[in-house]
PDB file of N, CA and C in Angstrom:
ATOM      1  N   MET A   1      -8.800 -11.834 180.199  1.00  0.00           N
ATOM      2  CA  MET A   1     -10.088 -11.940 179.574  1.00  0.00           C
ATOM      3  C   MET A   1      -9.904 -11.796 178.071  1.00  0.00           C
ATOM      4  N   THR A   2     -10.486 -12.688 177.316  1.00  0.00           N
ATOM      5  CA  THR A   2     -10.420 -12.623 175.870  1.00  0.00           C
ATOM      6  C   THR A   2     -11.739 -12.089 175.357  1.00  0.00           C
ATOM      7  N   ILE A   3     -11.665 -11.135 174.459  1.00  0.00           N
ATOM      8  CA  ILE A   3     -12.855 -10.507 173.905  1.00  0.00           C
ATOM      9  C   ILE A   3     -12.898 -10.807 172.413  1.00  0.00           C
ATOM     10  N   THR A   4     -14.043 -11.220 171.912  1.00  0.00           N
ATOM     11  CA  THR A   4     -14.195 -11.517 170.492  1.00  0.00           C
ATOM     12  C   THR A   4     -14.835 -10.332 169.796  1.00  0.00           C
ATOM     13  N   TYR A   5     -14.312  -9.974 168.639  1.00  0.00           N
ATOM     14  CA  TYR A   5     -14.894  -8.906 167.850  1.00  0.00           C
ATOM     15  C   TYR A   5     -16.283  -9.301 167.394  1.00  0.00           C
ATOM     16  N   THR A   6     -17.175  -8.341 167.303  1.00  0.00           N
ATOM     17  CA  THR A   6     -18.517  -8.593 166.812  1.00  0.00           C
ATOM     18  C   THR A   6     -18.587  -8.257 165.331  1.00  0.00           C
ATOM     19  N   SER A   7     -19.667  -8.674 164.687  1.00  0.00           N
ATOM     20  CA  SER A   7     -19.826  -8.408 163.258  1.00  0.00           C
ATOM     21  C   SER A   7     -19.913  -6.919 162.968  1.00  0.00           C
ATOM     22  N   GLU A   8     -20.295  -6.118 163.954  1.00  0.00           N
ATOM     23  CA  GLU A   8     -20.347  -4.674 163.761  1.00  0.00           C
ATOM     24  C   GLU A   8     -18.978  -4.110 163.404  1.00  0.00           C
ATOM     25  N   GLU A   9     -17.923  -4.780 163.812  1.00  0.00           N
ATOM     26  CA  GLU A   9     -16.583  -4.290 163.552  1.00  0.00           C
ATOM     27  C   GLU A   9     -15.999  -4.870 162.274  1.00  0.00           C
ATOM     28  N   GLY A  10     -16.828  -5.518 161.505  1.00  0.00           N
ATOM     29  CA  GLY A  10     -16.390  -6.012 160.206  1.00  0.00           C
ATOM     30  C   GLY A  10     -16.233  -7.510 160.179  1.00  0.00           C
ATOM     31  N   ASP A  11     -16.659  -8.089 159.080  1.00  0.00           N
ATOM     32  CA  ASP A  11     -16.577  -9.538 158.930  1.00  0.00           C
ATOM     33  C   ASP A  11     -15.146 -10.048 158.984  1.00  0.00           C
ATOM     34  N   ALA A  12     -14.209  -9.291 158.445  1.00  0.00           N
ATOM     35  CA  ALA A  12     -12.814  -9.735 158.421  1.00  0.00           C
ATOM     36  C   ALA A  12     -12.246  -9.846 159.828  1.00  0.00           C
ATOM     37  N   ALA A  13     -12.711  -9.013 160.728  1.00  0.00           N
ATOM     38  CA  ALA A  13     -12.182  -9.016 162.091  1.00  0.00           C
ATOM     39  C   ALA A  13     -12.976  -9.915 163.028  1.00  0.00           C
ATOM     40  N   MET A  14     -14.045 -10.487 162.534  1.00  0.00           N
ATOM     41  CA  MET A  14     -14.976 -11.210 163.389  1.00  0.00           C
ATOM     42  C   MET A  14     -14.332 -12.345 164.169  1.00  0.00           C
ATOM     43  N   MET A  15     -13.408 -13.038 163.588  1.00  0.00           N
ATOM     44  CA  MET A  15     -12.807 -14.185 164.244  1.00  0.00           C
ATOM     45  C   MET A  15     -11.579 -13.815 165.071  1.00  0.00           C
ATOM     46  N   ASN A  16     -11.137 -12.599 164.975  1.00  0.00           N
ATOM     47  CA  ASN A  16      -9.978 -12.168 165.747  1.00  0.00           C
ATOM     48  C   ASN A  16     -10.364 -11.949 167.205  1.00  0.00           C
ATOM     49  N   THR A  17      -9.416 -12.154 168.095  1.00  0.00           N
ATOM     50  CA  THR A  17      -9.654 -11.850 169.501  1.00  0.00           C
ATOM     51  C   THR A  17      -8.585 -10.890 169.977  1.00  0.00           C
ATOM     52  N   LEU A  18      -8.922 -10.167 170.994  1.00  0.00           N
ATOM     53  CA  LEU A  18      -7.988  -9.206 171.569  1.00  0.00           C
ATOM     54  C   LEU A  18      -7.966  -9.429 173.065  1.00  0.00           C
ATOM     55  N   ASP A  19      -6.815  -9.634 173.593  1.00  0.00           N
ATOM     56  CA  ASP A  19      -6.681  -9.801 175.027  1.00  0.00           C
ATOM     57  C   ASP A  19      -6.317  -8.459 175.618  1.00  0.00           C
ATOM     58  N   ASN A  20      -7.284  -7.822 176.264  1.00  0.00           N
ATOM     59  CA  ASN A  20      -7.079  -6.487 176.850  1.00  0.00           C
ATOM     60  C   ASN A  20      -6.194  -6.509 178.079  1.00  0.00           C
ATOM     61  N   LEU A  21      -6.102  -7.640 178.764  1.00  0.00           N
ATOM     62  CA  LEU A  21      -5.483  -7.674 180.078  1.00  0.00           C
ATOM     63  C   LEU A  21      -4.065  -7.106 180.134  1.00  0.00           C
ATOM     64  N   PRO A  22      -3.136  -7.511 179.268  1.00  0.00           N
ATOM     65  CA  PRO A  22      -1.788  -6.925 179.370  1.00  0.00           C
ATOM     66  C   PRO A  22      -1.799  -5.403 179.169  1.00  0.00           C
ATOM     67  N   VAL A  23      -2.612  -4.936 178.256  1.00  0.00           N
ATOM     68  CA  VAL A  23      -2.682  -3.498 177.982  1.00  0.00           C
ATOM     69  C   VAL A  23      -3.280  -2.767 179.180  1.00  0.00           C
ATOM     70  N   THR A  24      -4.370  -3.299 179.718  1.00  0.00           N
ATOM     71  CA  THR A  24      -5.009  -2.611 180.840  1.00  0.00           C
ATOM     72  C   THR A  24      -4.132  -2.627 182.083  1.00  0.00           C
ATOM     73  N   LYS A  25      -3.380  -3.699 182.286  1.00  0.00           N
ATOM     74  CA  LYS A  25      -2.447  -3.728 183.415  1.00  0.00           C
ATOM     75  C   LYS A  25      -1.389  -2.645 183.269  1.00  0.00           C
ATOM     76  N   ASN A  26      -0.891  -2.473 182.057  1.00  0.00           N
ATOM     77  CA  ASN A  26       0.126  -1.444 181.825  1.00  0.00           C
ATOM     78  C   ASN A  26      -0.454  -0.037 181.946  1.00  0.00           C
ATOM     79  N   ILE A  27      -1.683   0.151 181.502  1.00  0.00           N
ATOM     80  CA  ILE A  27      -2.338   1.456 181.664  1.00  0.00           C
ATOM     81  C   ILE A  27      -2.464   1.770 183.155  1.00  0.00           C
ATOM     82  N   ALA A  28      -2.934   0.800 183.924  1.00  0.00           N
ATOM     83  CA  ALA A  28      -3.102   1.002 185.370  1.00  0.00           C
ATOM     84  C   ALA A  28      -1.761   1.302 186.041  1.00  0.00           C
ATOM     85  N   LYS A  29      -0.714   0.616 185.610  1.00  0.00           N
ATOM     86  CA  LYS A  29       0.622   0.844 186.175  1.00  0.00           C
ATOM     87  C   LYS A  29       1.100   2.269 185.886  1.00  0.00           C
ATOM     88  N   ILE A  30       0.928   2.704 184.654  1.00  0.00           N
ATOM     89  CA  ILE A  30       1.342   4.053 184.259  1.00  0.00           C
ATOM     90  C   ILE A  30       0.536   5.091 185.045  1.00  0.00           C
ATOM     91  N   MET A  31      -0.761   4.847 185.178  1.00  0.00           N
ATOM     92  CA  MET A  31      -1.609   5.773 185.933  1.00  0.00           C
ATOM     93  C   MET A  31      -1.146   5.878 187.378  1.00  0.00           C
ATOM     94  N   ARG A  32      -0.848   4.739 187.997  1.00  0.00           N
ATOM     95  CA  ARG A  32      -0.359   4.743 189.391  1.00  0.00           C
ATOM     96  C   ARG A  32       0.944   5.521 189.517  1.00  0.00           C
ATOM     97  N   GLU A  33       1.878   5.222 188.600  1.00  0.00           N
ATOM     98  CA  GLU A  33       3.192   5.868 188.653  1.00  0.00           C
ATOM     99  C   GLU A  33       3.101   7.382 188.469  1.00  0.00           C
ATOM    100  N   ASP A  34       2.143   7.811 187.639  1.00  0.00           N
ATOM    101  CA  ASP A  34       2.009   9.243 187.347  1.00  0.00           C
ATOM    102  C   ASP A  34       0.953   9.938 188.207  1.00  0.00           C
ATOM    103  N   GLY A  35       0.318   9.193 189.106  1.00  0.00           N
ATOM    104  CA  GLY A  35      -0.689   9.779 189.984  1.00  0.00           C
ATOM    105  C   GLY A  35      -1.943  10.231 189.268  1.00  0.00           C
ATOM    106  N   LEU A  36      -2.317   9.521 188.218  1.00  0.00           N
ATOM    107  CA  LEU A  36      -3.498   9.878 187.433  1.00  0.00           C
ATOM    108  C   LEU A  36      -4.690   9.021 187.846  1.00  0.00           C
ATOM    109  N   ASN A  37      -5.883   9.579 187.743  1.00  0.00           N
ATOM    110  CA  ASN A  37      -7.081   8.788 188.017  1.00  0.00           C
ATOM    111  C   ASN A  37      -7.844   8.529 186.716  1.00  0.00           C
ATOM    112  N   GLU A  38      -8.832   7.630 186.790  1.00  0.00           N
ATOM    113  CA  GLU A  38      -9.577   7.238 185.594  1.00  0.00           C
ATOM    114  C   GLU A  38     -10.290   8.417 184.944  1.00  0.00           C
ATOM    115  N   LYS A  39     -10.875   9.268 185.756  1.00  0.00           N
ATOM    116  CA  LYS A  39     -11.614  10.413 185.225  1.00  0.00           C
ATOM    117  C   LYS A  39     -10.710  11.328 184.405  1.00  0.00           C
ATOM    118  N   GLU A  40      -9.515  11.583 184.934  1.00  0.00           N
ATOM    119  CA  GLU A  40      -8.574  12.476 184.253  1.00  0.00           C
ATOM    120  C   GLU A  40      -8.083  11.882 182.931  1.00  0.00           C
ATOM    121  N   VAL A  41      -7.721  10.597 182.941  1.00  0.00           N
ATOM    122  CA  VAL A  41      -7.238   9.949 181.720  1.00  0.00           C
ATOM    123  C   VAL A  41      -8.361   9.872 180.689  1.00  0.00           C
ATOM    124  N   ALA A  42      -9.571   9.537 181.133  1.00  0.00           N
ATOM    125  CA  ALA A  42     -10.718   9.465 180.220  1.00  0.00           C
ATOM    126  C   ALA A  42     -10.933  10.809 179.531  1.00  0.00           C
ATOM    127  N   LYS A  43     -10.904  11.870 180.303  1.00  0.00           N
ATOM    128  CA  LYS A  43     -11.118  13.215 179.745  1.00  0.00           C
ATOM    129  C   LYS A  43     -10.018  13.562 178.746  1.00  0.00           C
ATOM    130  N   ARG A  44      -8.769  13.307 179.112  1.00  0.00           N
ATOM    131  CA  ARG A  44      -7.645  13.606 178.212  1.00  0.00           C
ATOM    132  C   ARG A  44      -7.755  12.840 176.894  1.00  0.00           C
ATOM    133  N   ALA A  45      -8.266  11.599 176.969  1.00  0.00           N
ATOM    134  CA  ALA A  45      -8.349  10.747 175.780  1.00  0.00           C
ATOM    135  C   ALA A  45      -9.634  10.969 174.994  1.00  0.00           C
ATOM    136  N   GLY A  46     -10.561  11.724 175.556  1.00  0.00           N
ATOM    137  CA  GLY A  46     -11.807  12.014 174.845  1.00  0.00           C
ATOM    138  C   GLY A  46     -12.892  10.967 175.052  1.00  0.00           C
ATOM    139  N   TYR A  47     -12.834  10.251 176.172  1.00  0.00           N
ATOM    140  CA  TYR A  47     -13.847   9.252 176.500  1.00  0.00           C
ATOM    141  C   TYR A  47     -14.629   9.699 177.714  1.00  0.00           C
ATOM    142  N   SER A  48     -15.836   9.133 177.842  1.00  0.00           N
ATOM    143  CA  SER A  48     -16.545   9.326 179.101  1.00  0.00           C
ATOM    144  C   SER A  48     -15.840   8.446 180.134  1.00  0.00           C
ATOM    145  N   GLU A  49     -16.055   8.762 181.391  1.00  0.00           N
ATOM    146  CA  GLU A  49     -15.445   7.957 182.439  1.00  0.00           C
ATOM    147  C   GLU A  49     -15.922   6.501 182.346  1.00  0.00           C
ATOM    148  N   GLN A  50     -17.204   6.307 181.992  1.00  0.00           N
ATOM    149  CA  GLN A  50     -17.748   4.947 181.882  1.00  0.00           C
ATOM    150  C   GLN A  50     -17.114   4.183 180.718  1.00  0.00           C
ATOM    151  N   GLU A  51     -16.909   4.838 179.581  1.00  0.00           N
ATOM    152  CA  GLU A  51     -16.248   4.174 178.453  1.00  0.00           C
ATOM    153  C   GLU A  51     -14.855   3.699 178.849  1.00  0.00           C
ATOM    154  N   PHE A  52     -14.120   4.545 179.544  1.00  0.00           N
ATOM    155  CA  PHE A  52     -12.770   4.192 179.960  1.00  0.00           C
ATOM    156  C   PHE A  52     -12.803   3.053 180.974  1.00  0.00           C
ATOM    157  N   LYS A  53     -13.732   3.102 181.925  1.00  0.00           N
ATOM    158  CA  LYS A  53     -13.870   2.015 182.894  1.00  0.00           C
ATOM    159  C   LYS A  53     -14.202   0.701 182.187  1.00  0.00           C
ATOM    160  N   ASP A  54     -15.039   0.776 181.161  1.00  0.00           N
ATOM    161  CA  ASP A  54     -15.384  -0.426 180.391  1.00  0.00           C
ATOM    162  C   ASP A  54     -14.156  -1.005 179.695  1.00  0.00           C
ATOM    163  N   MET A  55     -13.288  -0.149 179.189  1.00  0.00           N
ATOM    164  CA  MET A  55     -12.045  -0.630 178.572  1.00  0.00           C
ATOM    165  C   MET A  55     -11.179  -1.339 179.601  1.00  0.00           C
ATOM    166  N   LEU A  56     -10.992  -0.690 180.736  1.00  0.00           N
ATOM    167  CA  LEU A  56     -10.133  -1.252 181.773  1.00  0.00           C
ATOM    168  C   LEU A  56     -10.714  -2.539 182.341  1.00  0.00           C
ATOM    169  N   GLY A  57     -12.041  -2.630 182.365  1.00  0.00           N
ATOM    170  CA  GLY A  57     -12.705  -3.808 182.909  1.00  0.00           C
ATOM    171  C   GLY A  57     -12.907  -4.930 181.910  1.00  0.00           C
ATOM    172  N   GLY A  58     -12.499  -4.715 180.662  1.00  0.00           N
ATOM    173  CA  GLY A  58     -12.646  -5.750 179.646  1.00  0.00           C
ATOM    174  C   GLY A  58     -14.023  -5.820 179.021  1.00  0.00           C
ATOM    175  N   ASN A  59     -14.853  -4.812 179.256  1.00  0.00           N
ATOM    176  CA  ASN A  59     -16.200  -4.796 178.692  1.00  0.00           C
ATOM    177  C   ASN A  59     -16.285  -4.014 177.385  1.00  0.00           C
ATOM    178  N   ARG A  60     -15.175  -3.488 176.934  1.00  0.00           N
ATOM    179  CA  ARG A  60     -15.109  -2.743 175.668  1.00  0.00           C
ATOM    180  C   ARG A  60     -13.782  -3.077 175.018  1.00  0.00           C
ATOM    181  N   ILE A  61     -13.844  -3.388 173.758  1.00  0.00           N
ATOM    182  CA  ILE A  61     -12.636  -3.722 173.010  1.00  0.00           C
ATOM    183  C   ILE A  61     -11.751  -2.487 172.895  1.00  0.00           C
ATOM    184  N   ILE A  62     -10.477  -2.664 173.134  1.00  0.00           N
ATOM    185  CA  ILE A  62      -9.504  -1.589 172.938  1.00  0.00           C
ATOM    186  C   ILE A  62      -8.957  -1.739 171.522  1.00  0.00           C
ATOM    187  N   THR A  63      -9.252  -0.757 170.687  1.00  0.00           N
ATOM    188  CA  THR A  63      -8.834  -0.801 169.281  1.00  0.00           C
ATOM    189  C   THR A  63      -7.505  -0.085 169.092  1.00  0.00           C
ATOM    190  N   VAL A  64      -6.986  -0.154 167.895  1.00  0.00           N
ATOM    191  CA  VAL A  64      -5.760   0.566 167.548  1.00  0.00           C
ATOM    192  C   VAL A  64      -5.962   2.064 167.750  1.00  0.00           C
ATOM    193  N   PHE A  65      -7.128   2.551 167.396  1.00  0.00           N
ATOM    194  CA  PHE A  65      -7.417   3.978 167.574  1.00  0.00           C
ATOM    195  C   PHE A  65      -7.443   4.348 169.058  1.00  0.00           C
ATOM    196  N   ASP A  66      -7.980   3.443 169.879  1.00  0.00           N
ATOM    197  CA  ASP A  66      -7.992   3.677 171.326  1.00  0.00           C
ATOM    198  C   ASP A  66      -6.573   3.738 171.872  1.00  0.00           C
ATOM    199  N   ILE A  67      -5.730   2.843 171.411  1.00  0.00           N
ATOM    200  CA  ILE A  67      -4.335   2.803 171.869  1.00  0.00           C
ATOM    201  C   ILE A  67      -3.663   4.149 171.615  1.00  0.00           C
ATOM    202  N   THR A  68      -3.860   4.684 170.427  1.00  0.00           N
ATOM    203  CA  THR A  68      -3.259   5.972 170.073  1.00  0.00           C
ATOM    204  C   THR A  68      -3.757   7.074 171.004  1.00  0.00           C
ATOM    205  N   LYS A  69      -5.067   7.133 171.215  1.00  0.00           N
ATOM    206  CA  LYS A  69      -5.639   8.167 172.080  1.00  0.00           C
ATOM    207  C   LYS A  69      -5.177   8.006 173.522  1.00  0.00           C
ATOM    208  N   LEU A  70      -5.129   6.765 173.995  1.00  0.00           N
ATOM    209  CA  LEU A  70      -4.709   6.519 175.371  1.00  0.00           C
ATOM    210  C   LEU A  70      -3.240   6.867 175.580  1.00  0.00           C
ATOM    211  N   CYS A  71      -2.415   6.545 174.596  1.00  0.00           N
ATOM    212  CA  CYS A  71      -0.993   6.889 174.708  1.00  0.00           C
ATOM    213  C   CYS A  71      -0.791   8.393 174.774  1.00  0.00           C
ATOM    214  N   MET A  72      -1.523   9.119 173.970  1.00  0.00           N
ATOM    215  CA  MET A  72      -1.430  10.575 174.012  1.00  0.00           C
ATOM    216  C   MET A  72      -1.884  11.096 175.374  1.00  0.00           C
ATOM    217  N   ALA A  73      -2.957  10.526 175.911  1.00  0.00           N
ATOM    218  CA  ALA A  73      -3.476  10.957 177.203  1.00  0.00           C
ATOM    219  C   ALA A  73      -2.506  10.649 178.339  1.00  0.00           C
ATOM    220  N   LEU A  74      -1.801   9.527 178.211  1.00  0.00           N
ATOM    221  CA  LEU A  74      -0.859   9.108 179.249  1.00  0.00           C
ATOM    222  C   LEU A  74       0.547   9.661 179.036  1.00  0.00           C
ATOM    223  N   GLY A  75       0.810  10.183 177.853  1.00  0.00           N
ATOM    224  CA  GLY A  75       2.137  10.718 177.547  1.00  0.00           C
ATOM    225  C   GLY A  75       3.184   9.639 177.358  1.00  0.00           C
ATOM    226  N   VAL A  76       2.770   8.513 176.758  1.00  0.00           N
ATOM    227  CA  VAL A  76       3.702   7.403 176.523  1.00  0.00           C
ATOM    228  C   VAL A  76       3.589   6.941 175.080  1.00  0.00           C
ATOM    229  N   CYS A  77       4.566   6.157 174.626  1.00  0.00           N
ATOM    230  CA  CYS A  77       4.501   5.574 173.286  1.00  0.00           C
ATOM    231  C   CYS A  77       3.742   4.248 173.365  1.00  0.00           C
ATOM    232  N   GLU A  78       3.270   3.785 172.213  1.00  0.00           N
ATOM    233  CA  GLU A  78       2.475   2.550 172.153  1.00  0.00           C
ATOM    234  C   GLU A  78       3.199   1.356 172.752  1.00  0.00           C
ATOM    235  N   ASN A  79       4.507   1.293 172.575  1.00  0.00           N
ATOM    236  CA  ASN A  79       5.274   0.164 173.101  1.00  0.00           C
ATOM    237  C   ASN A  79       5.125   0.017 174.612  1.00  0.00           C
ATOM    238  N   MET A  80       4.915   1.115 175.299  1.00  0.00           N
ATOM    239  CA  MET A  80       4.788   1.067 176.760  1.00  0.00           C
ATOM    240  C   MET A  80       3.530   0.300 177.196  1.00  0.00           C
ATOM    241  N   LEU A  81       2.534   0.251 176.337  1.00  0.00           N
ATOM    242  CA  LEU A  81       1.300  -0.450 176.697  1.00  0.00           C
ATOM    243  C   LEU A  81       1.392  -1.952 176.424  1.00  0.00           C
ATOM    244  N   PHE A  82       2.380  -2.361 175.645  1.00  0.00           N
ATOM    245  CA  PHE A  82       2.475  -3.764 175.253  1.00  0.00           C
ATOM    246  C   PHE A  82       3.675  -4.490 175.842  1.00  0.00           C
ATOM    247  N   LYS A  83       4.463  -3.805 176.674  1.00  0.00           N
ATOM    248  CA  LYS A  83       5.662  -4.464 177.204  1.00  0.00           C
ATOM    249  C   LYS A  83       5.354  -5.399 178.346  1.00  0.00           C
TER     250      LYS A  83
END
C-alpha cells in the first residue's frame, strides 16, 4: 500500500510517498519471533493500541520518528525494519 503525505506534514513532503508494507512486515516478523503482541509494542513505543494498529494496517504514515520509537520498543536497530 502506498500512502501519500498530506499538506499537514509540510508542503515539501506533500509529493513524497511512503510504502509502509516492507516495514510493517518486518515489524510483524520481529513481534512473532519475540512473542510480542500489538498492545505490548504500542505501550512500549508510547502509542495507543489503535494508533499502532493503524500503522500496521497502512492507515497511518510511519515517520522517521515512529521508526526510532518502534525500534526502541522492539529492541532492534533501524536496519532491521528495512531489510
